[in-house]
Amino acid sequence: MSKLRVEGFTISLDGFGAGPDQDLDNPLGVGGTALHGWALSTRTFQRHLLGREGGEGGLDDDFAARGFQNIGAWILGRNMFGPVRGPWPDESWRGWWGENPVYHVPVFVLTHHPRAPLVLEGGTTFHFVTEGIAAALEQAREAAGGKDVRLGGGVSVIQQYLRHRLIDELHLAISPVLLGAGERLFEGIHLPALGYACTRHERSPLATHVILTRQ
């Protein structure tokens, strides 16, 4: 069976996976962009997210690149799709990434409010799932066709899948940044009791990379 993987999810030294007060100007919350310094200069970020050549290789790029390997579908929380809250007022919001998003595979967005699928360029179709996390995972696995499913976040969504022991592997990048407030990834989460253990850890000048695996 395909794995459900979290890849490249960055937390601060004080445990926050996003800053406070997310809005259109601060999609990762206030101060949240500072978490991702390790990824911004990598070849993978430049190619997949900005569509251009260049960037740095090395350990950070290795970890960034593994996040796109053998991925057949994504699952996102609604905040990862956009800043709109409550019922969709219209369908004018089409995601953070424009008409050719970075995913290039089917993406399943968890929401309480129905919306028709959104077909964009490059093979990305956003499907809006109102039946909960298990339904989203079932649909994503079917769409992935035997490949793995990447869980993109945010914090609340990762917590929900963790509590149900549905995540097979988590790659976390711990950034040398203090946010002081926001959303703590492991708030109320007892990882050993859920069967998770650290199976790999390596350090670059910009981040400590940790792999947690469900035993």
N, C-alpha and C. Protein backbone atom coordinates (compact mmCIF):
# COMPACT_ATOMS: atom_id res chain seq x y z
N MET A 1 0.85 -1.20 0.00
CA MET A 1 0.00 0.00 0.00
C MET A 1 0.88 1.24 0.00
N SER A 2 0.41 2.28 -0.66
CA SER A 2 1.16 3.53 -0.69
C SER A 2 1.26 4.12 0.72
N LYS A 3 2.30 4.90 0.92
CA LYS A 3 2.52 5.55 2.21
C LYS A 3 1.89 6.94 2.24
N LEU A 4 1.53 7.38 3.44
CA LEU A 4 1.16 8.77 3.66
C LEU A 4 2.37 9.44 4.30
N ARG A 5 2.92 10.44 3.61
CA ARG A 5 4.18 11.06 4.03
C ARG A 5 4.01 12.57 4.24
N VAL A 6 4.63 13.06 5.29
CA VAL A 6 4.83 14.50 5.47
C VAL A 6 6.26 14.80 5.07
N GLU A 7 6.46 15.75 4.20
CA GLU A 7 7.79 16.05 3.68
C GLU A 7 8.09 17.54 3.80
N GLY A 8 9.27 17.85 4.32
CA GLY A 8 9.74 19.23 4.33
C GLY A 8 8.92 20.15 5.21
N PHE A 9 8.22 19.60 6.21
CA PHE A 9 7.43 20.47 7.08
C PHE A 9 8.36 21.09 8.12
N THR A 10 8.41 22.40 8.15
CA THR A 10 9.40 23.10 8.98
C THR A 10 8.77 23.62 10.25
N ILE A 11 9.49 23.42 11.36
CA ILE A 11 9.07 23.98 12.63
C ILE A 11 10.20 24.82 13.21
N SER A 12 9.83 25.75 14.08
CA SER A 12 10.81 26.61 14.74
C SER A 12 11.45 25.88 15.92
N LEU A 13 12.48 26.47 16.48
CA LEU A 13 13.11 25.89 17.66
C LEU A 13 12.14 25.77 18.83
N ASP A 14 11.17 26.66 18.90
CA ASP A 14 10.18 26.58 19.97
C ASP A 14 8.92 25.83 19.54
N GLY A 15 9.01 25.08 18.46
CA GLY A 15 7.99 24.09 18.13
C GLY A 15 6.83 24.54 17.28
N PHE A 16 6.88 25.75 16.73
CA PHE A 16 5.76 26.26 15.94
C PHE A 16 5.92 25.92 14.46
N GLY A 17 4.83 25.43 13.86
CA GLY A 17 4.84 25.11 12.44
C GLY A 17 4.25 26.20 11.58
N ALA A 18 3.72 27.23 12.20
CA ALA A 18 3.19 28.41 11.51
C ALA A 18 3.14 29.55 12.50
N GLY A 19 3.25 30.76 11.99
CA GLY A 19 3.12 31.92 12.84
C GLY A 19 1.66 32.30 13.06
N PRO A 20 1.40 33.27 13.92
CA PRO A 20 0.02 33.70 14.18
C PRO A 20 -0.53 34.58 13.06
N ASP A 21 -1.85 34.71 13.03
CA ASP A 21 -2.54 35.70 12.19
C ASP A 21 -2.29 35.49 10.69
N GLN A 22 -2.55 34.28 10.24
CA GLN A 22 -2.44 34.03 8.81
C GLN A 22 -3.46 34.87 8.04
N ASP A 23 -3.00 35.48 6.95
CA ASP A 23 -3.90 36.22 6.07
C ASP A 23 -3.26 36.28 4.69
N LEU A 24 -3.86 37.03 3.80
CA LEU A 24 -3.38 37.10 2.42
C LEU A 24 -1.94 37.57 2.35
N ASP A 25 -1.56 38.50 3.22
CA ASP A 25 -0.20 39.03 3.21
C ASP A 25 0.78 38.14 3.97
N ASN A 26 0.26 37.28 4.84
CA ASN A 26 1.09 36.39 5.64
C ASN A 26 0.54 34.97 5.57
N PRO A 27 0.73 34.30 4.42
CA PRO A 27 0.12 32.98 4.25
C PRO A 27 0.62 31.93 5.23
N LEU A 28 1.82 32.15 5.80
CA LEU A 28 2.37 31.21 6.80
C LEU A 28 2.28 31.80 8.20
N GLY A 29 1.47 32.84 8.37
CA GLY A 29 1.39 33.53 9.64
C GLY A 29 2.53 34.53 9.78
N VAL A 30 2.40 35.44 10.71
CA VAL A 30 3.42 36.47 10.93
C VAL A 30 4.73 35.79 11.34
N GLY A 31 5.77 36.03 10.58
CA GLY A 31 7.08 35.46 10.86
C GLY A 31 7.28 34.07 10.28
N GLY A 32 6.24 33.46 9.73
CA GLY A 32 6.33 32.08 9.28
C GLY A 32 7.27 31.86 8.11
N THR A 33 7.41 32.86 7.25
CA THR A 33 8.28 32.71 6.09
C THR A 33 9.73 32.47 6.50
N ALA A 34 10.13 33.01 7.65
CA ALA A 34 11.51 32.86 8.13
C ALA A 34 11.87 31.41 8.42
N LEU A 35 10.87 30.56 8.61
CA LEU A 35 11.15 29.15 8.87
C LEU A 35 11.84 28.46 7.71
N HIS A 36 11.60 28.93 6.51
CA HIS A 36 11.93 28.14 5.32
C HIS A 36 13.20 28.58 4.61
N GLY A 37 14.09 29.24 5.35
CA GLY A 37 15.36 29.65 4.76
C GLY A 37 16.16 28.48 4.22
N TRP A 38 16.04 27.32 4.88
CA TRP A 38 16.80 26.14 4.43
C TRP A 38 16.39 25.70 3.02
N ALA A 39 15.12 25.92 2.66
CA ALA A 39 14.59 25.43 1.39
C ALA A 39 14.69 26.44 0.26
N LEU A 40 14.67 27.72 0.58
CA LEU A 40 14.50 28.74 -0.46
C LEU A 40 15.61 28.72 -1.50
N SER A 41 16.83 28.39 -1.07
CA SER A 41 17.95 28.47 -2.01
C SER A 41 18.26 27.15 -2.69
N THR A 42 17.50 26.10 -2.43
CA THR A 42 17.81 24.80 -3.01
C THR A 42 17.43 24.74 -4.48
N ARG A 43 18.10 23.84 -5.20
CA ARG A 43 17.75 23.62 -6.61
C ARG A 43 16.31 23.17 -6.75
N THR A 44 15.87 22.32 -5.80
CA THR A 44 14.50 21.80 -5.88
C THR A 44 13.48 22.92 -5.75
N PHE A 45 13.68 23.83 -4.80
CA PHE A 45 12.75 24.95 -4.63
C PHE A 45 12.74 25.82 -5.88
N GLN A 46 13.91 26.12 -6.40
CA GLN A 46 13.98 26.98 -7.58
C GLN A 46 13.26 26.35 -8.77
N ARG A 47 13.42 25.03 -8.94
CA ARG A 47 12.83 24.36 -10.10
C ARG A 47 11.34 24.13 -9.92
N HIS A 48 10.94 23.52 -8.78
CA HIS A 48 9.56 23.12 -8.60
C HIS A 48 8.64 24.29 -8.24
N LEU A 49 9.14 25.24 -7.49
CA LEU A 49 8.28 26.30 -7.01
C LEU A 49 8.40 27.60 -7.78
N LEU A 50 9.57 27.84 -8.38
CA LEU A 50 9.75 29.08 -9.12
C LEU A 50 9.90 28.86 -10.61
N GLY A 51 10.09 27.59 -11.02
CA GLY A 51 10.18 27.28 -12.44
C GLY A 51 11.42 27.78 -13.12
N ARG A 52 12.54 27.82 -12.38
CA ARG A 52 13.77 28.28 -13.00
C ARG A 52 14.94 27.41 -12.54
N GLU A 53 16.02 27.49 -13.28
CA GLU A 53 17.20 26.70 -12.96
C GLU A 53 18.07 27.44 -11.94
N GLY A 54 19.05 26.70 -11.40
CA GLY A 54 19.94 27.29 -10.42
C GLY A 54 19.62 26.79 -9.03
N GLY A 55 20.24 27.40 -8.04
CA GLY A 55 20.04 27.00 -6.66
C GLY A 55 21.16 26.10 -6.16
N GLU A 56 21.11 25.83 -4.85
CA GLU A 56 22.17 25.10 -4.18
C GLU A 56 21.83 23.61 -4.08
N GLY A 57 22.87 22.78 -4.17
CA GLY A 57 22.73 21.36 -3.89
C GLY A 57 23.01 21.09 -2.42
N GLY A 58 23.41 19.85 -2.12
CA GLY A 58 23.76 19.52 -0.75
C GLY A 58 22.62 18.88 0.02
N LEU A 59 22.80 18.80 1.33
CA LEU A 59 21.86 18.07 2.18
C LEU A 59 20.45 18.65 2.14
N ASP A 60 20.33 19.97 2.23
CA ASP A 60 19.00 20.59 2.21
C ASP A 60 18.28 20.27 0.90
N ASP A 61 19.00 20.33 -0.20
CA ASP A 61 18.38 20.02 -1.49
C ASP A 61 18.00 18.55 -1.58
N ASP A 62 18.82 17.68 -1.01
CA ASP A 62 18.48 16.25 -0.99
C ASP A 62 17.15 16.01 -0.29
N PHE A 63 16.96 16.66 0.84
CA PHE A 63 15.71 16.49 1.58
C PHE A 63 14.54 17.16 0.86
N ALA A 64 14.77 18.30 0.24
CA ALA A 64 13.70 18.94 -0.52
C ALA A 64 13.28 18.07 -1.69
N ALA A 65 14.26 17.46 -2.37
CA ALA A 65 13.96 16.66 -3.56
C ALA A 65 13.20 15.39 -3.21
N ARG A 66 13.50 14.77 -2.06
CA ARG A 66 12.81 13.53 -1.70
C ARG A 66 11.31 13.76 -1.51
N GLY A 67 10.93 14.99 -1.23
CA GLY A 67 9.52 15.30 -1.04
C GLY A 67 8.69 15.24 -2.30
N PHE A 68 9.35 15.18 -3.46
CA PHE A 68 8.63 15.08 -4.73
C PHE A 68 8.81 13.70 -5.38
N GLN A 69 9.52 12.81 -4.72
CA GLN A 69 9.78 11.49 -5.28
C GLN A 69 8.65 10.52 -4.96
N ASN A 70 8.14 9.88 -5.99
CA ASN A 70 7.09 8.85 -5.86
C ASN A 70 5.81 9.40 -5.24
N ILE A 71 5.47 10.64 -5.52
CA ILE A 71 4.24 11.25 -5.01
C ILE A 71 3.18 11.25 -6.11
N GLY A 72 2.03 10.64 -5.82
CA GLY A 72 0.96 10.55 -6.79
C GLY A 72 -0.24 11.42 -6.48
N ALA A 73 -0.29 11.99 -5.26
CA ALA A 73 -1.40 12.87 -4.86
C ALA A 73 -0.98 13.60 -3.59
N TRP A 74 -1.66 14.70 -3.32
CA TRP A 74 -1.44 15.49 -2.10
C TRP A 74 -2.76 15.60 -1.33
N ILE A 75 -2.62 15.85 -0.02
CA ILE A 75 -3.74 16.26 0.83
C ILE A 75 -3.33 17.56 1.51
N LEU A 76 -4.23 18.54 1.49
CA LEU A 76 -3.99 19.83 2.12
C LEU A 76 -5.16 20.21 3.01
N GLY A 77 -4.86 20.93 4.08
CA GLY A 77 -5.91 21.62 4.81
C GLY A 77 -6.36 22.83 4.02
N ARG A 78 -7.52 23.33 4.36
CA ARG A 78 -8.06 24.45 3.58
C ARG A 78 -7.16 25.68 3.65
N ASN A 79 -6.52 25.94 4.80
CA ASN A 79 -5.66 27.11 4.91
C ASN A 79 -4.48 27.03 3.96
N MET A 80 -4.06 25.81 3.61
CA MET A 80 -2.96 25.65 2.67
C MET A 80 -3.39 25.94 1.24
N PHE A 81 -4.70 25.93 1.00
CA PHE A 81 -5.23 26.30 -0.31
C PHE A 81 -5.43 27.80 -0.43
N GLY A 82 -5.81 28.44 0.68
CA GLY A 82 -6.03 29.89 0.60
C GLY A 82 -6.55 30.47 1.89
N PRO A 83 -6.70 31.79 1.96
CA PRO A 83 -7.09 32.48 3.18
C PRO A 83 -8.60 32.62 3.37
N VAL A 84 -9.40 32.12 2.43
CA VAL A 84 -10.85 32.29 2.51
C VAL A 84 -11.39 31.43 3.66
N ARG A 85 -12.30 31.98 4.46
CA ARG A 85 -12.89 31.27 5.59
C ARG A 85 -14.40 31.13 5.39
N GLY A 86 -14.98 30.09 6.00
CA GLY A 86 -16.42 29.90 5.93
C GLY A 86 -16.86 29.43 4.55
N PRO A 87 -18.15 29.53 4.26
CA PRO A 87 -18.66 29.13 2.94
C PRO A 87 -17.95 29.91 1.82
N TRP A 88 -17.72 29.25 0.70
CA TRP A 88 -17.07 29.92 -0.42
C TRP A 88 -18.00 31.02 -0.97
N PRO A 89 -17.59 32.27 -0.92
CA PRO A 89 -18.46 33.34 -1.44
C PRO A 89 -18.60 33.24 -2.96
N ASP A 90 -17.56 32.74 -3.61
CA ASP A 90 -17.55 32.50 -5.06
C ASP A 90 -16.34 31.60 -5.32
N GLU A 91 -16.00 31.40 -6.57
CA GLU A 91 -14.87 30.54 -6.90
C GLU A 91 -13.70 31.34 -7.48
N SER A 92 -13.61 32.60 -7.08
CA SER A 92 -12.56 33.46 -7.63
C SER A 92 -11.18 33.10 -7.08
N TRP A 93 -11.13 32.61 -5.82
CA TRP A 93 -9.82 32.21 -5.27
C TRP A 93 -9.44 30.85 -5.86
N ARG A 94 -8.23 30.80 -6.47
CA ARG A 94 -7.79 29.60 -7.19
C ARG A 94 -6.47 29.06 -6.65
N GLY A 95 -6.15 29.40 -5.39
CA GLY A 95 -4.95 28.88 -4.77
C GLY A 95 -3.81 29.89 -4.73
N TRP A 96 -2.80 29.57 -3.90
CA TRP A 96 -1.68 30.48 -3.71
C TRP A 96 -0.76 30.54 -4.93
N TRP A 97 -0.77 29.50 -5.78
CA TRP A 97 0.30 29.33 -6.75
C TRP A 97 -0.08 29.73 -8.18
N GLY A 98 -1.23 30.31 -8.40
CA GLY A 98 -1.59 30.73 -9.75
C GLY A 98 -2.13 29.58 -10.58
N GLU A 99 -2.08 29.75 -11.90
CA GLU A 99 -2.73 28.81 -12.80
C GLU A 99 -1.93 27.54 -13.06
N ASN A 100 -0.68 27.51 -12.66
CA ASN A 100 0.15 26.31 -12.81
C ASN A 100 0.82 26.00 -11.47
N PRO A 101 0.08 25.41 -10.52
CA PRO A 101 0.62 25.18 -9.18
C PRO A 101 1.76 24.16 -9.19
N VAL A 102 2.41 24.04 -8.04
CA VAL A 102 3.61 23.21 -7.92
C VAL A 102 3.31 21.72 -7.86
N TYR A 103 2.05 21.33 -7.70
CA TYR A 103 1.74 19.94 -7.35
C TYR A 103 1.82 18.98 -8.54
N HIS A 104 1.15 19.31 -9.64
CA HIS A 104 1.19 18.52 -10.88
C HIS A 104 0.62 17.11 -10.71
N VAL A 105 -0.19 16.93 -9.69
CA VAL A 105 -0.93 15.69 -9.43
C VAL A 105 -2.25 16.10 -8.78
N PRO A 106 -3.21 15.18 -8.61
CA PRO A 106 -4.44 15.54 -7.90
C PRO A 106 -4.17 15.97 -6.46
N VAL A 107 -4.89 16.98 -6.00
CA VAL A 107 -4.75 17.52 -4.65
C VAL A 107 -6.12 17.50 -3.98
N PHE A 108 -6.18 16.97 -2.75
CA PHE A 108 -7.44 16.83 -2.03
C PHE A 108 -7.43 17.78 -0.84
N VAL A 109 -8.33 18.75 -0.87
CA VAL A 109 -8.38 19.83 0.12
C VAL A 109 -9.49 19.54 1.12
N LEU A 110 -9.13 19.47 2.38
CA LEU A 110 -10.11 19.25 3.44
C LEU A 110 -10.86 20.55 3.73
N THR A 111 -12.18 20.47 3.72
CA THR A 111 -13.00 21.65 3.96
C THR A 111 -14.36 21.22 4.48
N HIS A 112 -15.05 22.13 5.16
CA HIS A 112 -16.43 21.86 5.60
C HIS A 112 -17.46 22.35 4.58
N HIS A 113 -16.98 22.99 3.51
CA HIS A 113 -17.90 23.65 2.59
C HIS A 113 -17.66 23.14 1.16
N PRO A 114 -18.68 22.57 0.53
CA PRO A 114 -18.51 21.98 -0.81
C PRO A 114 -18.07 23.00 -1.85
N ARG A 115 -17.33 22.49 -2.81
CA ARG A 115 -16.93 23.30 -3.96
C ARG A 115 -16.60 22.34 -5.10
N ALA A 116 -16.91 22.74 -6.32
CA ALA A 116 -16.63 21.91 -7.48
C ALA A 116 -15.12 21.77 -7.67
N PRO A 117 -14.66 20.65 -8.24
CA PRO A 117 -13.23 20.50 -8.52
C PRO A 117 -12.70 21.65 -9.37
N LEU A 118 -11.45 22.01 -9.10
CA LEU A 118 -10.79 23.11 -9.81
C LEU A 118 -9.64 22.53 -10.62
N VAL A 119 -9.76 22.56 -11.94
CA VAL A 119 -8.75 22.02 -12.84
C VAL A 119 -7.83 23.14 -13.29
N LEU A 120 -6.53 22.95 -13.04
CA LEU A 120 -5.55 23.95 -13.43
C LEU A 120 -4.51 23.32 -14.35
N GLU A 121 -3.50 24.10 -14.70
CA GLU A 121 -2.49 23.62 -15.64
C GLU A 121 -1.54 22.63 -14.97
N GLY A 122 -0.81 21.89 -15.80
CA GLY A 122 0.26 21.04 -15.31
C GLY A 122 -0.17 19.76 -14.62
N GLY A 123 -1.44 19.39 -14.75
CA GLY A 123 -1.91 18.15 -14.13
C GLY A 123 -2.47 18.31 -12.73
N THR A 124 -2.56 19.54 -12.23
CA THR A 124 -3.11 19.77 -10.90
C THR A 124 -4.62 19.96 -10.96
N THR A 125 -5.35 19.14 -10.21
CA THR A 125 -6.77 19.35 -9.98
C THR A 125 -7.02 19.36 -8.49
N PHE A 126 -7.65 20.42 -7.98
CA PHE A 126 -8.01 20.49 -6.58
C PHE A 126 -9.40 19.88 -6.39
N HIS A 127 -9.49 18.87 -5.53
CA HIS A 127 -10.76 18.25 -5.15
C HIS A 127 -11.06 18.64 -3.71
N PHE A 128 -12.26 19.09 -3.45
CA PHE A 128 -12.63 19.61 -2.13
C PHE A 128 -13.44 18.54 -1.39
N VAL A 129 -12.87 18.06 -0.28
CA VAL A 129 -13.42 16.90 0.43
C VAL A 129 -14.08 17.36 1.72
N THR A 130 -15.36 17.07 1.87
CA THR A 130 -16.11 17.50 3.06
C THR A 130 -16.37 16.35 4.02
N GLU A 131 -15.94 15.13 3.68
CA GLU A 131 -16.29 13.95 4.49
C GLU A 131 -15.24 13.59 5.53
N GLY A 132 -14.16 14.38 5.65
CA GLY A 132 -13.19 14.14 6.70
C GLY A 132 -11.88 13.54 6.21
N ILE A 133 -10.98 13.31 7.17
CA ILE A 133 -9.61 12.94 6.83
C ILE A 133 -9.52 11.54 6.23
N ALA A 134 -10.32 10.60 6.71
CA ALA A 134 -10.26 9.24 6.18
C ALA A 134 -10.72 9.21 4.72
N ALA A 135 -11.79 9.94 4.42
CA ALA A 135 -12.29 9.99 3.05
C ALA A 135 -11.26 10.64 2.13
N ALA A 136 -10.62 11.71 2.60
CA ALA A 136 -9.60 12.37 1.77
C ALA A 136 -8.44 11.42 1.48
N LEU A 137 -8.02 10.65 2.49
CA LEU A 137 -6.92 9.71 2.29
C LEU A 137 -7.32 8.60 1.32
N GLU A 138 -8.52 8.10 1.46
CA GLU A 138 -8.98 7.04 0.55
C GLU A 138 -9.00 7.55 -0.90
N GLN A 139 -9.54 8.75 -1.09
CA GLN A 139 -9.60 9.31 -2.44
C GLN A 139 -8.20 9.60 -2.99
N ALA A 140 -7.33 10.11 -2.13
CA ALA A 140 -5.97 10.43 -2.58
C ALA A 140 -5.21 9.16 -2.96
N ARG A 141 -5.36 8.12 -2.18
CA ARG A 141 -4.67 6.87 -2.50
C ARG A 141 -5.16 6.28 -3.82
N GLU A 142 -6.44 6.37 -4.04
CA GLU A 142 -6.97 5.87 -5.31
C GLU A 142 -6.40 6.67 -6.47
N ALA A 143 -6.37 7.99 -6.32
CA ALA A 143 -5.85 8.85 -7.38
C ALA A 143 -4.36 8.66 -7.59
N ALA A 144 -3.64 8.30 -6.52
CA ALA A 144 -2.18 8.17 -6.60
C ALA A 144 -1.75 6.94 -7.40
N GLY A 145 -2.64 5.99 -7.58
CA GLY A 145 -2.34 4.84 -8.42
C GLY A 145 -1.16 4.02 -7.95
N GLY A 146 -1.04 3.83 -6.64
CA GLY A 146 0.05 3.03 -6.09
C GLY A 146 1.23 3.83 -5.60
N LYS A 147 1.33 5.10 -6.00
CA LYS A 147 2.38 5.96 -5.48
C LYS A 147 1.99 6.48 -4.08
N ASP A 148 2.92 7.17 -3.45
CA ASP A 148 2.66 7.69 -2.11
C ASP A 148 1.81 8.96 -2.17
N VAL A 149 1.21 9.28 -1.03
CA VAL A 149 0.42 10.50 -0.87
C VAL A 149 1.19 11.43 0.06
N ARG A 150 1.34 12.68 -0.35
CA ARG A 150 2.03 13.66 0.48
C ARG A 150 1.02 14.52 1.22
N LEU A 151 1.18 14.61 2.53
CA LEU A 151 0.32 15.43 3.38
C LEU A 151 1.01 16.76 3.59
N GLY A 152 0.43 17.82 3.02
CA GLY A 152 1.10 19.10 3.04
C GLY A 152 0.86 19.95 4.27
N GLY A 153 -0.10 19.63 5.10
CA GLY A 153 -0.39 20.45 6.25
C GLY A 153 -1.67 21.23 6.07
N GLY A 154 -1.95 22.22 6.90
CA GLY A 154 -1.08 22.74 7.93
C GLY A 154 -1.04 21.92 9.21
N VAL A 155 -0.72 22.64 10.30
CA VAL A 155 -0.49 22.02 11.59
C VAL A 155 -1.69 21.21 12.04
N SER A 156 -2.87 21.77 11.99
CA SER A 156 -4.07 21.09 12.48
C SER A 156 -4.33 19.80 11.72
N VAL A 157 -4.12 19.82 10.42
CA VAL A 157 -4.36 18.63 9.60
C VAL A 157 -3.35 17.54 9.94
N ILE A 158 -2.08 17.89 10.09
CA ILE A 158 -1.08 16.90 10.46
C ILE A 158 -1.42 16.30 11.82
N GLN A 159 -1.84 17.13 12.75
CA GLN A 159 -2.22 16.62 14.07
C GLN A 159 -3.36 15.60 13.98
N GLN A 160 -4.35 15.89 13.17
CA GLN A 160 -5.48 14.97 13.02
C GLN A 160 -5.03 13.62 12.48
N TYR A 161 -4.19 13.63 11.45
CA TYR A 161 -3.71 12.36 10.89
C TYR A 161 -2.78 11.64 11.85
N LEU A 162 -1.98 12.38 12.61
CA LEU A 162 -1.11 11.76 13.61
C LEU A 162 -1.92 11.04 14.68
N ARG A 163 -2.94 11.71 15.20
CA ARG A 163 -3.72 11.12 16.28
C ARG A 163 -4.40 9.81 15.86
N HIS A 164 -4.63 9.65 14.58
CA HIS A 164 -5.23 8.41 14.08
C HIS A 164 -4.17 7.46 13.52
N ARG A 165 -2.89 7.77 13.76
CA ARG A 165 -1.76 6.93 13.34
C ARG A 165 -1.81 6.63 11.84
N LEU A 166 -2.22 7.58 11.05
CA LEU A 166 -2.34 7.38 9.61
C LEU A 166 -1.09 7.80 8.84
N ILE A 167 -0.23 8.58 9.48
CA ILE A 167 0.99 9.02 8.82
C ILE A 167 2.06 7.94 8.96
N ASP A 168 2.64 7.55 7.85
CA ASP A 168 3.69 6.54 7.87
C ASP A 168 5.06 7.13 8.16
N GLU A 169 5.31 8.34 7.65
CA GLU A 169 6.64 8.93 7.78
C GLU A 169 6.54 10.44 7.76
N LEU A 170 7.30 11.10 8.65
CA LEU A 170 7.34 12.56 8.71
C LEU A 170 8.77 13.03 8.56
N HIS A 171 9.01 13.89 7.58
CA HIS A 171 10.28 14.60 7.51
C HIS A 171 10.03 16.01 8.04
N LEU A 172 10.69 16.33 9.15
CA LEU A 172 10.60 17.65 9.74
C LEU A 172 11.94 18.35 9.60
N ALA A 173 11.90 19.61 9.24
CA ALA A 173 13.09 20.46 9.22
C ALA A 173 12.96 21.44 10.39
N ILE A 174 13.90 21.37 11.31
CA ILE A 174 13.88 22.27 12.47
C ILE A 174 14.77 23.46 12.15
N SER A 175 14.14 24.61 12.03
CA SER A 175 14.84 25.82 11.62
C SER A 175 15.32 26.59 12.86
N PRO A 176 16.53 27.19 12.81
CA PRO A 176 17.04 27.95 13.95
C PRO A 176 16.38 29.32 14.07
N VAL A 177 15.07 29.30 14.23
CA VAL A 177 14.24 30.50 14.30
C VAL A 177 13.32 30.36 15.51
N LEU A 178 13.10 31.44 16.22
CA LEU A 178 12.13 31.48 17.32
C LEU A 178 10.93 32.33 16.88
N LEU A 179 9.73 31.74 16.94
CA LEU A 179 8.53 32.49 16.56
C LEU A 179 7.79 33.05 17.77
N GLY A 180 7.81 32.34 18.89
CA GLY A 180 7.18 32.84 20.11
C GLY A 180 5.69 32.65 20.19
N ALA A 181 5.04 32.49 19.06
CA ALA A 181 3.58 32.29 19.03
C ALA A 181 3.21 31.65 17.70
N GLY A 182 2.00 31.13 17.64
CA GLY A 182 1.53 30.49 16.42
C GLY A 182 0.90 29.14 16.72
N GLU A 183 1.16 28.15 15.86
CA GLU A 183 0.58 26.82 16.02
C GLU A 183 1.70 25.82 16.29
N ARG A 184 1.67 25.22 17.48
CA ARG A 184 2.69 24.22 17.83
C ARG A 184 2.30 22.87 17.23
N LEU A 185 3.23 22.27 16.50
CA LEU A 185 2.93 21.04 15.79
C LEU A 185 2.56 19.90 16.72
N PHE A 186 3.30 19.73 17.81
CA PHE A 186 3.09 18.56 18.66
C PHE A 186 2.31 18.87 19.93
N GLU A 187 1.57 19.97 19.92
CA GLU A 187 0.73 20.32 21.07
C GLU A 187 -0.27 19.20 21.34
N GLY A 188 -0.19 18.57 22.53
CA GLY A 188 -1.13 17.52 22.91
C GLY A 188 -0.91 16.20 22.20
N ILE A 189 0.22 16.04 21.51
CA ILE A 189 0.51 14.82 20.75
C ILE A 189 1.56 14.01 21.51
N HIS A 190 1.25 12.76 21.85
CA HIS A 190 2.18 11.86 22.53
C HIS A 190 2.75 10.90 21.49
N LEU A 191 3.84 11.31 20.85
CA LEU A 191 4.37 10.54 19.73
C LEU A 191 4.78 9.11 20.10
N PRO A 192 5.49 8.88 21.23
CA PRO A 192 5.84 7.49 21.56
C PRO A 192 4.61 6.60 21.77
N ALA A 193 3.58 7.14 22.41
CA ALA A 193 2.37 6.35 22.63
C ALA A 193 1.68 6.01 21.31
N LEU A 194 1.86 6.86 20.32
CA LEU A 194 1.27 6.61 19.01
C LEU A 194 2.13 5.70 18.14
N GLY A 195 3.32 5.36 18.65
CA GLY A 195 4.17 4.42 17.93
C GLY A 195 5.17 5.06 16.99
N TYR A 196 5.49 6.35 17.18
CA TYR A 196 6.45 7.02 16.31
C TYR A 196 7.81 7.09 16.97
N ALA A 197 8.85 6.94 16.15
CA ALA A 197 10.23 7.02 16.63
C ALA A 197 11.08 7.75 15.62
N CYS A 198 12.15 8.37 16.10
CA CYS A 198 13.10 9.04 15.22
C CYS A 198 14.00 7.98 14.59
N THR A 199 14.01 7.93 13.27
CA THR A 199 14.81 6.93 12.57
C THR A 199 15.97 7.53 11.78
N ARG A 200 16.04 8.86 11.73
CA ARG A 200 17.15 9.51 11.03
C ARG A 200 17.21 10.96 11.45
N HIS A 201 18.40 11.49 11.61
CA HIS A 201 18.55 12.93 11.85
C HIS A 201 19.90 13.38 11.32
N GLU A 202 19.88 14.49 10.58
CA GLU A 202 21.09 15.07 10.01
C GLU A 202 20.98 16.59 10.07
N ARG A 203 22.14 17.24 10.09
CA ARG A 203 22.15 18.69 10.26
C ARG A 203 22.89 19.36 9.12
N SER A 204 22.28 20.43 8.62
CA SER A 204 22.96 21.32 7.68
C SER A 204 23.18 22.66 8.40
N PRO A 205 23.87 23.60 7.78
CA PRO A 205 24.02 24.91 8.44
C PRO A 205 22.69 25.64 8.67
N LEU A 206 21.63 25.25 7.95
CA LEU A 206 20.38 26.01 8.02
C LEU A 206 19.23 25.28 8.69
N ALA A 207 19.39 23.96 8.94
CA ALA A 207 18.28 23.21 9.53
C ALA A 207 18.78 21.87 10.06
N THR A 208 18.03 21.33 11.01
CA THR A 208 18.22 19.95 11.43
C THR A 208 17.07 19.14 10.85
N HIS A 209 17.41 18.13 10.08
CA HIS A 209 16.41 17.31 9.40
C HIS A 209 16.17 16.03 10.21
N VAL A 210 14.91 15.76 10.50
CA VAL A 210 14.54 14.63 11.33
C VAL A 210 13.48 13.81 10.59
N ILE A 211 13.65 12.49 10.60
CA ILE A 211 12.65 11.58 10.04
C ILE A 211 12.01 10.82 11.20
N LEU A 212 10.70 10.92 11.33
CA LEU A 212 9.92 10.15 12.29
C LEU A 212 9.14 9.09 11.53
N THR A 213 9.21 7.87 12.01
CA THR A 213 8.58 6.76 11.32
C THR A 213 7.63 6.03 12.26
N ARG A 214 6.48 5.65 11.74
CA ARG A 214 5.53 4.86 12.53
C ARG A 214 6.03 3.43 12.61
N GLN A 215 6.16 2.92 13.82
CA GLN A 215 6.70 1.57 14.04
C GLN A 215 5.62 0.52 13.96
